[in-house]
Amino acid sequence: MDVPQLLLVGLVLLLGLVGVLVPGVPGTWLVWAGLLRWALHERPAPAWSLLRGDGPAARGPGGEVAAAAAAAPRTPGHPPDGGLRGRGAVLGFVLVPVLGAVPGFVGGVYLCERLRLGGHGEAWTSTRAVMRAVGPSVLVELFACLLVVGAWVGAVSAA
């Protein structure tokens, strides 16, 4: 696979990571589709083993997240976009490999709420409400997709 095609697959995987955090966008399916495109074009054993092994991890939590988001109470503290939350989770994942995604996500939610509400007390209360409503399911899906994309980057750089 030449460099422009790898960049296109990488862009689809990146869009999938962003899609995990944006309601209504099938992020895990985009990650899986990017892996499928790469595996169909590459055809070596690592590509197919990554698709077989990590593909279900990326697709699995998707239904769980949709159900949790639908069942989540509509709290006034629920921020409408996932931009800061997503940036915080990805930054945490990069700065403290793998385990940093959780504090990064919580920090992103808190920062988003602090900017929206202004005070520490209200922002912290709202952050706890958001984390109870959709936090665990979004974190599971984001973590699975981050692991898949990390494994893809490792497989591409090793080849």
N, C-alpha and C. Protein backbone atom coordinates (compact mmCIF):
# COMPACT_ATOMS: atom_id res chain seq x y z
N MET A 1 0.87 -1.16 0.00
CA MET A 1 0.00 0.00 0.00
C MET A 1 0.91 1.22 0.00
N ASP A 2 0.67 2.13 -0.92
CA ASP A 2 1.52 3.31 -0.99
C ASP A 2 1.10 4.35 0.05
N VAL A 3 1.92 5.38 0.17
CA VAL A 3 1.76 6.37 1.23
C VAL A 3 0.42 7.10 1.17
N PRO A 4 -0.06 7.57 0.01
CA PRO A 4 -1.36 8.25 0.02
C PRO A 4 -2.51 7.37 0.48
N GLN A 5 -2.47 6.09 0.13
CA GLN A 5 -3.53 5.20 0.59
C GLN A 5 -3.44 4.95 2.09
N LEU A 6 -2.22 4.82 2.61
CA LEU A 6 -2.06 4.68 4.06
C LEU A 6 -2.54 5.92 4.79
N LEU A 7 -2.27 7.10 4.22
CA LEU A 7 -2.75 8.34 4.83
C LEU A 7 -4.27 8.40 4.80
N LEU A 8 -4.88 7.91 3.73
CA LEU A 8 -6.34 7.89 3.65
C LEU A 8 -6.93 6.94 4.70
N VAL A 9 -6.33 5.77 4.87
CA VAL A 9 -6.79 4.84 5.89
C VAL A 9 -6.60 5.47 7.27
N GLY A 10 -5.46 6.11 7.48
CA GLY A 10 -5.21 6.79 8.75
C GLY A 10 -6.22 7.89 9.02
N LEU A 11 -6.63 8.61 7.97
CA LEU A 11 -7.63 9.66 8.12
C LEU A 11 -8.99 9.07 8.49
N VAL A 12 -9.35 7.94 7.89
CA VAL A 12 -10.61 7.27 8.24
C VAL A 12 -10.57 6.81 9.70
N LEU A 13 -9.42 6.27 10.13
CA LEU A 13 -9.30 5.85 11.53
C LEU A 13 -9.39 7.05 12.47
N LEU A 14 -8.77 8.16 12.09
CA LEU A 14 -8.85 9.37 12.91
C LEU A 14 -10.27 9.90 12.97
N LEU A 15 -10.97 9.89 11.85
CA LEU A 15 -12.38 10.29 11.84
C LEU A 15 -13.22 9.36 12.71
N GLY A 16 -12.86 8.09 12.73
CA GLY A 16 -13.56 7.15 13.60
C GLY A 16 -13.35 7.48 15.07
N LEU A 17 -12.12 7.86 15.43
CA LEU A 17 -11.86 8.25 16.82
C LEU A 17 -12.66 9.48 17.21
N VAL A 18 -12.73 10.45 16.31
CA VAL A 18 -13.53 11.64 16.57
C VAL A 18 -15.01 11.27 16.62
N GLY A 19 -15.41 10.36 15.75
CA GLY A 19 -16.81 9.93 15.69
C GLY A 19 -17.28 9.23 16.94
N VAL A 20 -16.37 8.63 17.69
CA VAL A 20 -16.74 7.99 18.95
C VAL A 20 -17.31 9.04 19.92
N LEU A 21 -16.77 10.24 19.85
CA LEU A 21 -17.14 11.28 20.81
C LEU A 21 -18.27 12.17 20.35
N VAL A 22 -18.65 12.06 19.08
CA VAL A 22 -19.72 12.89 18.54
C VAL A 22 -20.98 12.04 18.43
N PRO A 23 -22.05 12.43 19.10
CA PRO A 23 -23.28 11.64 19.04
C PRO A 23 -23.81 11.54 17.61
N GLY A 24 -24.22 10.35 17.24
CA GLY A 24 -24.82 10.14 15.93
C GLY A 24 -23.83 9.72 14.86
N VAL A 25 -22.53 9.78 15.12
CA VAL A 25 -21.53 9.39 14.14
C VAL A 25 -21.04 7.98 14.50
N PRO A 26 -21.05 7.06 13.56
CA PRO A 26 -20.65 5.68 13.86
C PRO A 26 -19.12 5.54 13.91
N GLY A 27 -18.52 6.00 14.97
CA GLY A 27 -17.06 6.02 15.09
C GLY A 27 -16.43 4.65 15.04
N THR A 28 -16.98 3.70 15.78
CA THR A 28 -16.39 2.37 15.80
C THR A 28 -16.51 1.69 14.44
N TRP A 29 -17.58 1.96 13.74
CA TRP A 29 -17.73 1.37 12.41
C TRP A 29 -16.74 1.99 11.42
N LEU A 30 -16.44 3.27 11.58
CA LEU A 30 -15.43 3.90 10.72
C LEU A 30 -14.05 3.30 10.98
N VAL A 31 -13.72 3.06 12.24
CA VAL A 31 -12.44 2.43 12.57
C VAL A 31 -12.38 1.03 11.96
N TRP A 32 -13.46 0.27 12.11
CA TRP A 32 -13.48 -1.07 11.54
C TRP A 32 -13.39 -1.03 10.01
N ALA A 33 -14.07 -0.09 9.38
CA ALA A 33 -14.02 0.02 7.92
C ALA A 33 -12.62 0.38 7.45
N GLY A 34 -11.93 1.26 8.17
CA GLY A 34 -10.56 1.59 7.82
C GLY A 34 -9.65 0.38 7.93
N LEU A 35 -9.83 -0.41 8.99
CA LEU A 35 -9.06 -1.64 9.13
C LEU A 35 -9.37 -2.63 8.02
N LEU A 36 -10.63 -2.74 7.66
CA LEU A 36 -11.03 -3.66 6.59
C LEU A 36 -10.40 -3.25 5.26
N ARG A 37 -10.41 -1.97 4.95
CA ARG A 37 -9.80 -1.48 3.70
C ARG A 37 -8.32 -1.79 3.68
N TRP A 38 -7.65 -1.57 4.81
CA TRP A 38 -6.23 -1.84 4.89
C TRP A 38 -5.95 -3.33 4.74
N ALA A 39 -6.74 -4.16 5.42
CA ALA A 39 -6.53 -5.61 5.35
C ALA A 39 -6.83 -6.16 3.96
N LEU A 40 -7.85 -5.64 3.29
CA LEU A 40 -8.16 -6.11 1.94
C LEU A 40 -7.06 -5.75 0.95
N HIS A 41 -6.43 -4.62 1.15
CA HIS A 41 -5.38 -4.20 0.23
C HIS A 41 -4.05 -4.85 0.57
N GLU A 42 -3.72 -4.98 1.83
CA GLU A 42 -2.41 -5.50 2.25
C GLU A 42 -2.32 -7.01 2.09
N ARG A 43 -3.27 -7.72 2.62
CA ARG A 43 -3.38 -9.18 2.59
C ARG A 43 -2.33 -9.97 3.37
N PRO A 44 -1.38 -9.37 4.11
CA PRO A 44 -0.50 -10.23 4.91
C PRO A 44 -1.19 -10.67 6.20
N ALA A 45 -0.58 -11.62 6.87
CA ALA A 45 -1.17 -12.16 8.09
C ALA A 45 -1.38 -11.11 9.18
N PRO A 46 -0.43 -10.17 9.41
CA PRO A 46 -0.69 -9.18 10.48
C PRO A 46 -1.93 -8.33 10.23
N ALA A 47 -2.20 -8.00 8.98
CA ALA A 47 -3.39 -7.18 8.68
C ALA A 47 -4.66 -7.93 9.04
N TRP A 48 -4.73 -9.19 8.66
CA TRP A 48 -5.94 -9.96 8.94
C TRP A 48 -6.07 -10.33 10.40
N SER A 49 -4.93 -10.58 11.06
CA SER A 49 -5.02 -10.89 12.48
C SER A 49 -5.43 -9.66 13.28
N LEU A 50 -4.98 -8.49 12.85
CA LEU A 50 -5.41 -7.25 13.51
C LEU A 50 -6.91 -7.04 13.28
N LEU A 51 -7.39 -7.30 12.09
CA LEU A 51 -8.81 -7.14 11.80
C LEU A 51 -9.64 -8.15 12.58
N ARG A 52 -9.20 -9.40 12.65
CA ARG A 52 -9.93 -10.41 13.41
C ARG A 52 -9.86 -10.18 14.90
N GLY A 53 -8.69 -9.79 15.39
CA GLY A 53 -8.51 -9.64 16.82
C GLY A 53 -9.02 -8.32 17.37
N ASP A 54 -8.75 -7.23 16.67
CA ASP A 54 -9.12 -5.92 17.18
C ASP A 54 -10.41 -5.40 16.59
N GLY A 55 -10.81 -5.91 15.46
CA GLY A 55 -12.06 -5.46 14.86
C GLY A 55 -13.27 -5.65 15.76
N PRO A 56 -13.45 -6.84 16.34
CA PRO A 56 -14.59 -7.01 17.26
C PRO A 56 -14.49 -6.11 18.49
N ALA A 57 -13.27 -5.82 18.94
CA ALA A 57 -13.12 -4.91 20.08
C ALA A 57 -13.59 -3.51 19.71
N ALA A 58 -13.35 -3.13 18.46
CA ALA A 58 -13.77 -1.79 18.04
C ALA A 58 -15.27 -1.73 17.78
N ARG A 59 -15.84 -2.83 17.27
CA ARG A 59 -17.27 -2.81 16.96
C ARG A 59 -18.14 -3.12 18.15
N GLY A 60 -17.63 -3.90 19.08
CA GLY A 60 -18.45 -4.41 20.18
C GLY A 60 -19.15 -3.37 21.03
N PRO A 61 -18.44 -2.39 21.56
CA PRO A 61 -19.10 -1.46 22.47
C PRO A 61 -20.06 -0.50 21.80
N GLY A 62 -20.10 -0.44 20.48
CA GLY A 62 -20.93 0.55 19.79
C GLY A 62 -22.39 0.50 20.17
N GLY A 63 -22.98 -0.69 20.20
CA GLY A 63 -24.39 -0.80 20.56
C GLY A 63 -24.62 -0.44 22.02
N GLU A 64 -23.66 -0.76 22.84
CA GLU A 64 -23.75 -0.45 24.26
C GLU A 64 -23.74 1.07 24.47
N VAL A 65 -22.92 1.76 23.72
CA VAL A 65 -22.83 3.21 23.85
C VAL A 65 -24.13 3.86 23.37
N ALA A 66 -24.68 3.38 22.28
CA ALA A 66 -25.92 3.95 21.78
C ALA A 66 -27.05 3.73 22.77
N ALA A 67 -27.10 2.55 23.37
CA ALA A 67 -28.14 2.28 24.36
C ALA A 67 -27.96 3.15 25.60
N ALA A 68 -26.71 3.33 26.03
CA ALA A 68 -26.46 4.15 27.21
C ALA A 68 -26.78 5.62 26.93
N ALA A 69 -26.46 6.07 25.75
CA ALA A 69 -26.76 7.47 25.41
C ALA A 69 -28.26 7.70 25.32
N ALA A 70 -28.99 6.72 24.81
CA ALA A 70 -30.44 6.86 24.71
C ALA A 70 -31.10 6.81 26.09
N ALA A 71 -30.52 6.00 26.98
CA ALA A 71 -31.10 5.86 28.31
C ALA A 71 -30.62 6.93 29.29
N ALA A 72 -29.63 7.71 28.88
CA ALA A 72 -29.06 8.70 29.80
C ALA A 72 -30.08 9.79 30.09
N PRO A 73 -30.17 10.17 31.34
CA PRO A 73 -31.08 11.26 31.67
C PRO A 73 -30.61 12.56 31.04
N ARG A 74 -31.52 13.36 30.62
CA ARG A 74 -31.17 14.64 30.00
C ARG A 74 -30.89 15.65 31.10
N THR A 75 -29.67 15.67 31.55
CA THR A 75 -29.29 16.59 32.60
C THR A 75 -28.90 17.92 32.00
N PRO A 76 -29.14 19.01 32.71
CA PRO A 76 -28.75 20.29 32.17
C PRO A 76 -27.24 20.43 32.04
N GLY A 77 -26.48 19.61 32.72
CA GLY A 77 -25.03 19.71 32.66
C GLY A 77 -24.39 18.95 31.53
N HIS A 78 -25.18 18.24 30.73
CA HIS A 78 -24.61 17.44 29.67
C HIS A 78 -24.17 18.35 28.53
N PRO A 79 -22.86 18.45 28.26
CA PRO A 79 -22.40 19.33 27.20
C PRO A 79 -22.80 18.80 25.84
N PRO A 80 -23.14 19.68 24.91
CA PRO A 80 -23.63 19.24 23.62
C PRO A 80 -22.57 18.67 22.69
N ASP A 81 -21.32 19.06 22.82
CA ASP A 81 -20.31 18.54 21.90
C ASP A 81 -19.22 17.82 22.68
N GLY A 82 -18.47 17.00 21.98
CA GLY A 82 -17.43 16.22 22.63
C GLY A 82 -16.04 16.68 22.30
N GLY A 83 -15.88 17.88 21.76
CA GLY A 83 -14.58 18.35 21.32
C GLY A 83 -13.53 18.38 22.39
N LEU A 84 -13.78 19.09 23.47
CA LEU A 84 -12.78 19.17 24.54
C LEU A 84 -12.61 17.85 25.25
N ARG A 85 -13.71 17.11 25.41
CA ARG A 85 -13.60 15.81 26.07
C ARG A 85 -12.72 14.89 25.26
N GLY A 86 -12.92 14.88 23.95
CA GLY A 86 -12.13 14.02 23.07
C GLY A 86 -10.68 14.41 23.03
N ARG A 87 -10.43 15.72 22.95
CA ARG A 87 -9.04 16.17 22.94
C ARG A 87 -8.35 15.80 24.25
N GLY A 88 -9.07 15.94 25.35
CA GLY A 88 -8.49 15.57 26.64
C GLY A 88 -8.16 14.09 26.71
N ALA A 89 -9.06 13.25 26.21
CA ALA A 89 -8.83 11.81 26.26
C ALA A 89 -7.66 11.41 25.36
N VAL A 90 -7.60 11.95 24.17
CA VAL A 90 -6.51 11.60 23.25
C VAL A 90 -5.18 12.14 23.78
N LEU A 91 -5.18 13.37 24.30
CA LEU A 91 -3.96 13.93 24.87
C LEU A 91 -3.49 13.10 26.07
N GLY A 92 -4.42 12.70 26.93
CA GLY A 92 -4.07 11.85 28.06
C GLY A 92 -3.53 10.51 27.61
N PHE A 93 -4.11 9.94 26.55
CA PHE A 93 -3.67 8.65 26.01
C PHE A 93 -2.24 8.74 25.49
N VAL A 94 -1.90 9.89 24.90
CA VAL A 94 -0.56 10.06 24.34
C VAL A 94 0.45 10.39 25.45
N LEU A 95 0.08 11.27 26.37
CA LEU A 95 1.02 11.67 27.42
C LEU A 95 1.31 10.55 28.41
N VAL A 96 0.29 9.86 28.85
CA VAL A 96 0.46 8.70 29.74
C VAL A 96 -0.12 7.52 28.97
N PRO A 97 0.73 6.78 28.26
CA PRO A 97 0.22 5.75 27.34
C PRO A 97 -0.83 4.84 27.98
N VAL A 98 -1.89 4.67 27.26
CA VAL A 98 -3.04 3.82 27.52
C VAL A 98 -3.86 4.29 28.73
N LEU A 99 -3.27 4.38 29.90
CA LEU A 99 -4.03 4.70 31.11
C LEU A 99 -4.42 6.17 31.20
N GLY A 100 -3.77 7.03 30.46
CA GLY A 100 -4.05 8.46 30.54
C GLY A 100 -5.35 8.87 29.89
N ALA A 101 -5.99 7.98 29.13
CA ALA A 101 -7.24 8.34 28.45
C ALA A 101 -8.35 8.65 29.45
N VAL A 102 -8.40 7.94 30.53
CA VAL A 102 -9.48 8.13 31.51
C VAL A 102 -9.37 9.49 32.20
N PRO A 103 -8.21 9.82 32.83
CA PRO A 103 -8.14 11.16 33.44
C PRO A 103 -8.21 12.27 32.41
N GLY A 104 -7.72 12.01 31.20
CA GLY A 104 -7.82 13.02 30.15
C GLY A 104 -9.27 13.29 29.76
N PHE A 105 -10.07 12.23 29.69
CA PHE A 105 -11.48 12.38 29.36
C PHE A 105 -12.22 13.15 30.44
N VAL A 106 -11.98 12.76 31.69
CA VAL A 106 -12.64 13.45 32.81
C VAL A 106 -12.19 14.91 32.86
N GLY A 107 -10.90 15.15 32.64
CA GLY A 107 -10.40 16.52 32.61
C GLY A 107 -11.00 17.33 31.48
N GLY A 108 -11.20 16.72 30.34
CA GLY A 108 -11.84 17.41 29.22
C GLY A 108 -13.29 17.76 29.52
N VAL A 109 -14.00 16.84 30.16
CA VAL A 109 -15.39 17.11 30.55
C VAL A 109 -15.42 18.26 31.55
N TYR A 110 -14.53 18.21 32.54
CA TYR A 110 -14.50 19.28 33.54
C TYR A 110 -14.16 20.62 32.89
N LEU A 111 -13.18 20.65 32.01
CA LEU A 111 -12.81 21.91 31.36
C LEU A 111 -13.96 22.46 30.52
N CYS A 112 -14.64 21.58 29.80
CA CYS A 112 -15.80 22.00 29.01
C CYS A 112 -16.88 22.60 29.90
N GLU A 113 -17.15 21.94 31.02
CA GLU A 113 -18.17 22.43 31.94
C GLU A 113 -17.73 23.70 32.66
N ARG A 114 -16.45 23.80 32.97
CA ARG A 114 -15.94 25.00 33.63
C ARG A 114 -16.06 26.21 32.71
N LEU A 115 -15.76 26.00 31.43
CA LEU A 115 -15.92 27.11 30.47
C LEU A 115 -17.38 27.48 30.28
N ARG A 116 -18.26 26.48 30.33
CA ARG A 116 -19.67 26.73 30.10
C ARG A 116 -20.35 27.37 31.31
N LEU A 117 -20.02 26.88 32.51
CA LEU A 117 -20.72 27.31 33.72
C LEU A 117 -19.97 28.37 34.52
N GLY A 118 -18.65 28.42 34.41
CA GLY A 118 -17.88 29.46 35.07
C GLY A 118 -17.31 29.10 36.42
N GLY A 119 -18.03 28.42 37.27
CA GLY A 119 -17.55 28.14 38.62
C GLY A 119 -17.10 26.71 38.81
N HIS A 120 -16.23 26.50 39.80
CA HIS A 120 -15.71 25.16 40.07
C HIS A 120 -16.80 24.22 40.60
N GLY A 121 -17.60 24.69 41.54
CA GLY A 121 -18.61 23.83 42.15
C GLY A 121 -19.64 23.32 41.15
N GLU A 122 -20.16 24.24 40.35
CA GLU A 122 -21.16 23.84 39.34
C GLU A 122 -20.54 22.94 38.28
N ALA A 123 -19.30 23.26 37.88
CA ALA A 123 -18.63 22.46 36.85
C ALA A 123 -18.35 21.05 37.37
N TRP A 124 -17.94 20.92 38.62
CA TRP A 124 -17.65 19.60 39.18
C TRP A 124 -18.93 18.78 39.32
N THR A 125 -20.00 19.40 39.75
CA THR A 125 -21.29 18.70 39.87
C THR A 125 -21.75 18.22 38.50
N SER A 126 -21.63 19.07 37.51
CA SER A 126 -22.03 18.71 36.15
C SER A 126 -21.13 17.61 35.59
N THR A 127 -19.83 17.67 35.87
CA THR A 127 -18.90 16.64 35.40
C THR A 127 -19.28 15.29 35.99
N ARG A 128 -19.61 15.24 37.27
CA ARG A 128 -20.03 13.98 37.88
C ARG A 128 -21.30 13.45 37.22
N ALA A 129 -22.26 14.35 36.92
CA ALA A 129 -23.50 13.92 36.28
C ALA A 129 -23.23 13.35 34.88
N VAL A 130 -22.36 14.01 34.14
CA VAL A 130 -22.03 13.53 32.79
C VAL A 130 -21.33 12.17 32.88
N MET A 131 -20.40 12.05 33.80
CA MET A 131 -19.67 10.78 33.92
C MET A 131 -20.58 9.64 34.35
N ARG A 132 -21.57 9.91 35.18
CA ARG A 132 -22.52 8.86 35.56
C ARG A 132 -23.42 8.48 34.39
N ALA A 133 -23.79 9.47 33.58
CA ALA A 133 -24.74 9.22 32.49
C ALA A 133 -24.11 8.46 31.33
N VAL A 134 -23.03 8.96 30.78
CA VAL A 134 -22.48 8.35 29.57
C VAL A 134 -20.99 8.08 29.65
N GLY A 135 -20.35 8.47 30.70
CA GLY A 135 -18.90 8.34 30.79
C GLY A 135 -18.35 6.94 30.59
N PRO A 136 -18.82 5.95 31.35
CA PRO A 136 -18.23 4.62 31.21
C PRO A 136 -18.38 4.03 29.81
N SER A 137 -19.53 4.16 29.21
CA SER A 137 -19.72 3.55 27.90
C SER A 137 -18.89 4.26 26.82
N VAL A 138 -18.81 5.58 26.89
CA VAL A 138 -17.99 6.30 25.91
C VAL A 138 -16.52 5.96 26.12
N LEU A 139 -16.08 5.87 27.37
CA LEU A 139 -14.69 5.52 27.64
C LEU A 139 -14.34 4.13 27.14
N VAL A 140 -15.23 3.18 27.28
CA VAL A 140 -14.97 1.82 26.79
C VAL A 140 -14.81 1.84 25.28
N GLU A 141 -15.71 2.51 24.60
CA GLU A 141 -15.64 2.57 23.15
C GLU A 141 -14.40 3.33 22.68
N LEU A 142 -14.10 4.45 23.30
CA LEU A 142 -12.92 5.23 22.92
C LEU A 142 -11.65 4.45 23.18
N PHE A 143 -11.57 3.78 24.32
CA PHE A 143 -10.39 3.00 24.66
C PHE A 143 -10.18 1.87 23.66
N ALA A 144 -11.25 1.18 23.28
CA ALA A 144 -11.13 0.10 22.30
C ALA A 144 -10.64 0.64 20.96
N CYS A 145 -11.19 1.76 20.54
CA CYS A 145 -10.77 2.33 19.26
C CYS A 145 -9.34 2.86 19.31
N LEU A 146 -8.93 3.45 20.44
CA LEU A 146 -7.55 3.90 20.58
C LEU A 146 -6.58 2.72 20.53
N LEU A 147 -6.94 1.62 21.13
CA LEU A 147 -6.08 0.43 21.07
C LEU A 147 -5.97 -0.11 19.65
N VAL A 148 -7.08 -0.11 18.93
CA VAL A 148 -7.07 -0.59 17.55
C VAL A 148 -6.19 0.31 16.68
N VAL A 149 -6.36 1.61 16.81
CA VAL A 149 -5.57 2.54 16.00
C VAL A 149 -4.10 2.46 16.39
N GLY A 150 -3.81 2.31 17.66
CA GLY A 150 -2.43 2.13 18.09
C GLY A 150 -1.80 0.86 17.53
N ALA A 151 -2.55 -0.22 17.52
CA ALA A 151 -2.05 -1.47 16.93
C ALA A 151 -1.84 -1.33 15.44
N TRP A 152 -2.72 -0.59 14.76
CA TRP A 152 -2.55 -0.35 13.33
C TRP A 152 -1.29 0.45 13.06
N VAL A 153 -1.06 1.50 13.85
CA VAL A 153 0.14 2.31 13.67
C VAL A 153 1.38 1.45 13.89
N GLY A 154 1.35 0.58 14.90
CA GLY A 154 2.47 -0.32 15.14
C GLY A 154 2.69 -1.30 13.99
N ALA A 155 1.61 -1.83 13.44
CA ALA A 155 1.73 -2.79 12.33
C ALA A 155 2.23 -2.10 11.07
N VAL A 156 1.77 -0.88 10.81
CA VAL A 156 2.21 -0.16 9.62
C VAL A 156 3.67 0.25 9.76
N SER A 157 4.08 0.70 10.93
CA SER A 157 5.46 1.14 11.10
C SER A 157 6.42 -0.03 11.12
N ALA A 158 5.96 -1.23 11.49
CA ALA A 158 6.83 -2.41 11.50
C ALA A 158 7.04 -2.96 10.09
N ALA A 159 6.11 -2.66 9.19
CA ALA A 159 6.21 -3.21 7.82
C ALA A 159 7.14 -2.42 6.96
